[in-house]
C-alpha atoms as a PDB file:
ATOM      1  CA  UNK A   1     -52.495  60.853-162.553  1.00  0.00           C
ATOM      2  CA  UNK A   2     -49.953  63.593-162.052  1.00  0.00           C
ATOM      3  CA  UNK A   3     -48.752  63.118-165.652  1.00  0.00           C
ATOM      4  CA  UNK A   4     -52.255  63.927-166.860  1.00  0.00           C
ATOM      5  CA  UNK A   5     -52.267  67.142-164.838  1.00  0.00           C
ATOM      6  CA  UNK A   6     -48.912  68.249-166.271  1.00  0.00           C
ATOM      7  CA  UNK A   7     -49.899  67.133-169.772  1.00  0.00           C
ATOM      8  CA  UNK A   8     -46.772  64.959-170.077  1.00  0.00           C
ATOM      9  CA  UNK A   9     -46.678  62.533-172.949  1.00  0.00           C
ATOM     10  CA  UNK A  10     -44.397  59.522-173.109  1.00  0.00           C
ATOM     11  CA  UNK A  11     -42.511  59.194-176.385  1.00  0.00           C
ATOM     12  CA  UNK A  12     -42.379  55.543-177.494  1.00  0.00           C
ATOM     13  CA  UNK A  13     -40.654  54.412-180.672  1.00  0.00           C
ATOM     14  CA  UNK A  14     -42.473  52.092-182.963  1.00  0.00           C
ATOM     15  CA  UNK A  15     -41.488  48.465-183.355  1.00  0.00           C
ATOM     16  CA  UNK A  16     -38.892  47.465-185.915  1.00  0.00           C
ATOM     17  CA  UNK A  17     -38.770  44.215-187.878  1.00  0.00           C
ATOM     18  CA  UNK A  18     -35.135  43.131-187.926  1.00  0.00           C
ATOM     19  CA  UNK A  19     -33.991  41.059-190.848  1.00  0.00           C
ATOM     20  CA  UNK A  20     -31.377  38.364-190.567  1.00  0.00           C
ATOM     21  CA  UNK A  21     -29.206  37.519-193.564  1.00  0.00           C
ATOM     22  CA  UNK A  22     -26.917  34.560-193.924  1.00  0.00           C
ATOM     23  CA  UNK A  23     -24.044  35.909-196.068  1.00  0.00           C
ATOM     24  CA  UNK A  24     -20.928  36.639-194.035  1.00  0.00           C
ATOM     25  CA  UNK A  25     -17.613  38.368-194.520  1.00  0.00           C
ATOM     26  CA  UNK A  26     -15.174  35.514-193.735  1.00  0.00           C
ATOM     27  CA  UNK A  27     -12.209  37.845-194.226  1.00  0.00           C
ATOM     28  CA  UNK A  28     -13.377  40.075-191.340  1.00  0.00           C
ATOM     29  CA  UNK A  29     -14.380  37.888-188.334  1.00  0.00           C
ATOM     30  CA  UNK A  30     -16.611  38.905-185.414  1.00  0.00           C
ATOM     31  CA  UNK A  31     -13.684  39.144-182.987  1.00  0.00           C
ATOM     32  CA  UNK A  32     -15.675  41.115-180.382  1.00  0.00           C
ATOM     33  CA  UNK A  33     -18.401  38.451-180.320  1.00  0.00           C
ATOM     34  CA  UNK A  34     -20.686  40.500-178.015  1.00  0.00           C
ATOM     35  CA  UNK A  35     -18.054  40.844-175.280  1.00  0.00           C
ATOM     36  CA  UNK A  36     -19.117  44.351-174.508  1.00  0.00           C
ATOM     37  CA  UNK A  37     -17.568  44.571-171.039  1.00  0.00           C
ATOM     38  CA  UNK A  38     -14.155  46.089-171.639  1.00  0.00           C
ATOM     39  CA  UNK A  39     -11.515  46.411-168.886  1.00  0.00           C
ATOM     40  CA  UNK A  40      -9.617  49.517-170.040  1.00  0.00           C
ATOM     41  CA  UNK A  41     -10.232  52.656-172.101  1.00  0.00           C
ATOM     42  CA  UNK A  42      -9.216  52.641-175.781  1.00  0.00           C
ATOM     43  CA  UNK A  43      -9.214  48.868-175.979  1.00  0.00           C
ATOM     44  CA  UNK A  44     -12.358  48.517-178.133  1.00  0.00           C
ATOM     45  CA  UNK A  45     -14.172  51.124-180.204  1.00  0.00           C
ATOM     46  CA  UNK A  46     -17.450  50.632-182.034  1.00  0.00           C
ATOM     47  CA  UNK A  47     -18.719  52.671-184.932  1.00  0.00           C
ATOM     48  CA  UNK A  48     -21.579  53.101-187.348  1.00  0.00           C
ATOM     49  CA  UNK A  49     -23.420  55.546-189.596  1.00  0.00           C
ATOM     50  CA  UNK A  50     -27.003  56.779-189.267  1.00  0.00           C
ATOM     51  CA  UNK A  51     -29.037  59.350-191.160  1.00  0.00           C
ATOM     52  CA  UNK A  52     -30.703  62.501-189.890  1.00  0.00           C
ATOM     53  CA  UNK A  53     -33.328  64.690-191.582  1.00  0.00           C
ATOM     54  CA  UNK A  54     -32.323  68.349-191.258  1.00  0.00           C
ATOM     55  CA  UNK A  55     -32.773  71.506-193.280  1.00  0.00           C
ATOM     56  CA  UNK A  56     -34.982  69.698-195.788  1.00  0.00           C
ATOM     57  CA  UNK A  57     -32.572  66.937-196.721  1.00  0.00           C
ATOM     58  CA  UNK A  58     -30.813  63.826-195.344  1.00  0.00           C
ATOM     59  CA  UNK A  59     -27.481  64.101-193.628  1.00  0.00           C
ATOM     60  CA  UNK A  60     -25.304  61.214-192.497  1.00  0.00           C
ATOM     61  CA  UNK A  61     -23.683  60.982-189.093  1.00  0.00           C
ATOM     62  CA  UNK A  62     -20.785  58.652-188.318  1.00  0.00           C
ATOM     63  CA  UNK A  63     -20.151  58.013-184.634  1.00  0.00           C
ATOM     64  CA  UNK A  64     -17.318  56.194-182.839  1.00  0.00           C
ATOM     65  CA  UNK A  65     -17.734  55.161-179.184  1.00  0.00           C
ATOM     66  CA  UNK A  66     -15.215  53.946-176.690  1.00  0.00           C
ATOM     67  CA  UNK A  67     -16.808  50.724-175.446  1.00  0.00           C
ATOM     68  CA  UNK A  68     -15.150  51.035-171.996  1.00  0.00           C
ATOM     69  CA  UNK A  69     -17.112  54.167-171.030  1.00  0.00           C
ATOM     70  CA  UNK A  70     -19.816  53.964-173.720  1.00  0.00           C
ATOM     71  CA  UNK A  71     -18.914  57.521-174.657  1.00  0.00           C
ATOM     72  CA  UNK A  72     -18.703  59.153-178.055  1.00  0.00           C
ATOM     73  CA  UNK A  73     -15.021  59.770-178.848  1.00  0.00           C
ATOM     74  CA  UNK A  74     -15.401  60.832-182.475  1.00  0.00           C
ATOM     75  CA  UNK A  75     -17.981  61.862-185.029  1.00  0.00           C
ATOM     76  CA  UNK A  76     -18.381  63.350-188.478  1.00  0.00           C
ATOM     77  CA  UNK A  77     -21.265  64.655-190.546  1.00  0.00           C
ATOM     78  CA  UNK A  78     -21.670  64.496-194.338  1.00  0.00           C
ATOM     79  CA  UNK A  79     -24.209  64.576-197.146  1.00  0.00           C
ATOM     80  CA  UNK A  80     -23.153  61.087-198.324  1.00  0.00           C
ATOM     81  CA  UNK A  81     -22.591  57.865-196.333  1.00  0.00           C
ATOM     82  CA  UNK A  82     -19.263  56.695-197.751  1.00  0.00           C
ATOM     83  CA  UNK A  83     -16.088  55.209-196.242  1.00  0.00           C
ATOM     84  CA  UNK A  84     -14.596  58.711-196.068  1.00  0.00           C
ATOM     85  CA  UNK A  85     -17.232  59.687-193.515  1.00  0.00           C
ATOM     86  CA  UNK A  86     -16.353  56.842-191.176  1.00  0.00           C
ATOM     87  CA  UNK A  87     -12.636  57.593-191.651  1.00  0.00           C
ATOM     88  CA  UNK A  88     -13.247  61.211-190.625  1.00  0.00           C
ATOM     89  CA  UNK A  89     -14.989  60.119-187.427  1.00  0.00           C
ATOM     90  CA  UNK A  90     -12.133  57.715-186.677  1.00  0.00           C
ATOM     91  CA  UNK A  91      -9.541  60.413-187.349  1.00  0.00           C
ATOM     92  CA  UNK A  92     -11.208  62.652-184.801  1.00  0.00           C
ATOM     93  CA  UNK A  93     -11.319  59.862-182.230  1.00  0.00           C
ATOM     94  CA  UNK A  94      -7.767  58.740-182.920  1.00  0.00           C
ATOM     95  CA  UNK A  95      -6.357  62.276-182.466  1.00  0.00           C
ATOM     96  CA  UNK A  96      -8.538  63.185-179.462  1.00  0.00           C
ATOM     97  CA  UNK A  97      -7.714  59.982-177.617  1.00  0.00           C
ATOM     98  CA  UNK A  98      -3.943  60.371-178.055  1.00  0.00           C
ATOM     99  CA  UNK A  99      -3.348  57.885-180.900  1.00  0.00           C
ATOM    100  CA  UNK A 100      -4.041  54.676-178.988  1.00  0.00           C
ATOM    101  CA  UNK A 101      -2.315  51.450-179.979  1.00  0.00           C
ATOM    102  CA  UNK A 102      -3.548  47.864-180.180  1.00  0.00           C
ATOM    103  CA  UNK A 103      -7.152  48.866-180.536  1.00  0.00           C
ATOM    104  CA  UNK A 104     -10.018  46.691-181.810  1.00  0.00           C
ATOM    105  CA  UNK A 105     -12.590  48.523-184.006  1.00  0.00           C
ATOM    106  CA  UNK A 106     -16.009  46.815-184.266  1.00  0.00           C
ATOM    107  CA  UNK A 107     -18.798  47.675-186.672  1.00  0.00           C
ATOM    108  CA  UNK A 108     -21.707  46.163-188.561  1.00  0.00           C
ATOM    109  CA  UNK A 109     -21.251  44.966-192.148  1.00  0.00           C
ATOM    110  CA  UNK A 110     -21.975  48.283-193.830  1.00  0.00           C
ATOM    111  CA  UNK A 111     -20.340  48.699-197.200  1.00  0.00           C
ATOM    112  CA  UNK A 112     -18.217  51.610-195.915  1.00  0.00           C
ATOM    113  CA  UNK A 113     -16.738  49.327-193.174  1.00  0.00           C
ATOM    114  CA  UNK A 114     -15.549  46.774-195.692  1.00  0.00           C
ATOM    115  CA  UNK A 115     -14.196  49.240-198.260  1.00  0.00           C
ATOM    116  CA  UNK A 116     -10.546  49.318-199.219  1.00  0.00           C
ATOM    117  CA  UNK A 117     -10.176  52.934-198.081  1.00  0.00           C
ATOM    118  CA  UNK A 118     -11.523  52.155-194.624  1.00  0.00           C
ATOM    119  CA  UNK A 119      -9.576  48.918-194.155  1.00  0.00           C
ATOM    120  CA  UNK A 120      -6.330  50.593-195.222  1.00  0.00           C
ATOM    121  CA  UNK A 121      -6.916  53.359-192.658  1.00  0.00           C
ATOM    122  CA  UNK A 122      -7.317  50.738-189.916  1.00  0.00           C
ATOM    123  CA  UNK A 123      -4.190  48.892-191.103  1.00  0.00           C
ATOM    124  CA  UNK A 124      -2.096  52.118-191.189  1.00  0.00           C
ATOM    125  CA  UNK A 125      -3.172  52.929-187.629  1.00  0.00           C
ATOM    126  CA  UNK A 126      -2.540  49.334-186.432  1.00  0.00           C
ATOM    127  CA  UNK A 127      -6.158  48.717-185.501  1.00  0.00           C
ATOM    128  CA  UNK A 128      -7.687  45.290-185.741  1.00  0.00           C
ATOM    129  CA  UNK A 129     -11.071  45.029-187.359  1.00  0.00           C
ATOM    130  CA  UNK A 130     -14.127  43.125-186.141  1.00  0.00           C
ATOM    131  CA  UNK A 131     -17.480  42.933-187.893  1.00  0.00           C
ATOM    132  CA  UNK A 132     -20.887  41.863-186.699  1.00  0.00           C
ATOM    133  CA  UNK A 133     -22.540  38.859-188.292  1.00  0.00           C
ATOM    134  CA  UNK A 134     -24.554  39.911-191.307  1.00  0.00           C
ATOM    135  CA  UNK A 135     -28.005  41.276-190.368  1.00  0.00           C
ATOM    136  CA  UNK A 136     -27.490  40.772-186.648  1.00  0.00           C
ATOM    137  CA  UNK A 137     -28.081  44.071-184.833  1.00  0.00           C
ATOM    138  CA  UNK A 138     -27.319  42.543-181.448  1.00  0.00           C
ATOM    139  CA  UNK A 139     -23.649  42.117-182.401  1.00  0.00           C
ATOM    140  CA  UNK A 140     -23.233  45.879-182.438  1.00  0.00           C
ATOM    141  CA  UNK A 141     -25.797  46.634-179.683  1.00  0.00           C
ATOM    142  CA  UNK A 142     -23.923  49.511-177.990  1.00  0.00           C
ATOM    143  CA  UNK A 143     -23.939  51.515-181.242  1.00  0.00           C
ATOM    144  CA  UNK A 144     -27.580  50.653-181.892  1.00  0.00           C
ATOM    145  CA  UNK A 145     -28.365  51.960-178.388  1.00  0.00           C
ATOM    146  CA  UNK A 146     -26.621  55.283-179.096  1.00  0.00           C
ATOM    147  CA  UNK A 147     -28.581  55.758-182.326  1.00  0.00           C
ATOM    148  CA  UNK A 148     -31.851  54.769-180.735  1.00  0.00           C
ATOM    149  CA  UNK A 149     -31.371  57.435-178.075  1.00  0.00           C
ATOM    150  CA  UNK A 150     -30.272  59.951-180.704  1.00  0.00           C
ATOM    151  CA  UNK A 151     -33.292  59.331-182.939  1.00  0.00           C
ATOM    152  CA  UNK A 152     -35.981  58.952-180.240  1.00  0.00           C
ATOM    153  CA  UNK A 153     -34.816  61.337-177.513  1.00  0.00           C
ATOM    154  CA  UNK A 154     -32.380  63.955-178.833  1.00  0.00           C
ATOM    155  CA  UNK A 155     -33.521  64.742-182.353  1.00  0.00           C
ATOM    156  CA  UNK A 156     -36.943  66.086-183.254  1.00  0.00           C
ATOM    157  CA  UNK A 157     -38.969  63.656-185.409  1.00  0.00           C
ATOM    158  CA  UNK A 158     -39.679  66.539-187.811  1.00  0.00           C
ATOM    159  CA  UNK A 159     -36.029  67.418-188.262  1.00  0.00           C
ATOM    160  CA  UNK A 160     -34.496  70.843-187.651  1.00  0.00           C
END
């Protein structure tokens, strides 16, 4: 009742039909395997790219989170969603977090995550790579949660 008096309106996102594909990347296994409880900082990072409507056009945001604290440790913004965008976000995280060693980086099976440029960056920085199973959003659930909050709570639905 009080909500009616204050004219508060709950913002609920619409439902989403998830698709499940069967083609996998056997060269990049799902090492993380939904083990999202991490014991120490800078042990596992997750990353992904989303799009944002702003100033009359689409922009792409790459985000890297530290799975231990579920905090954003790096991000980058661009007008195109390529491997360079994810590398920029990882560069920021890598420098800001003191160049951590023996790190596992987990992502979905986006084309940027399997590109030669991206995989070489991980190799040069001695990071192991893990990829979700194809079409399985639950394998990268912490990143999906960040983007859901971003798109439903933090960014206006009409853009900026």
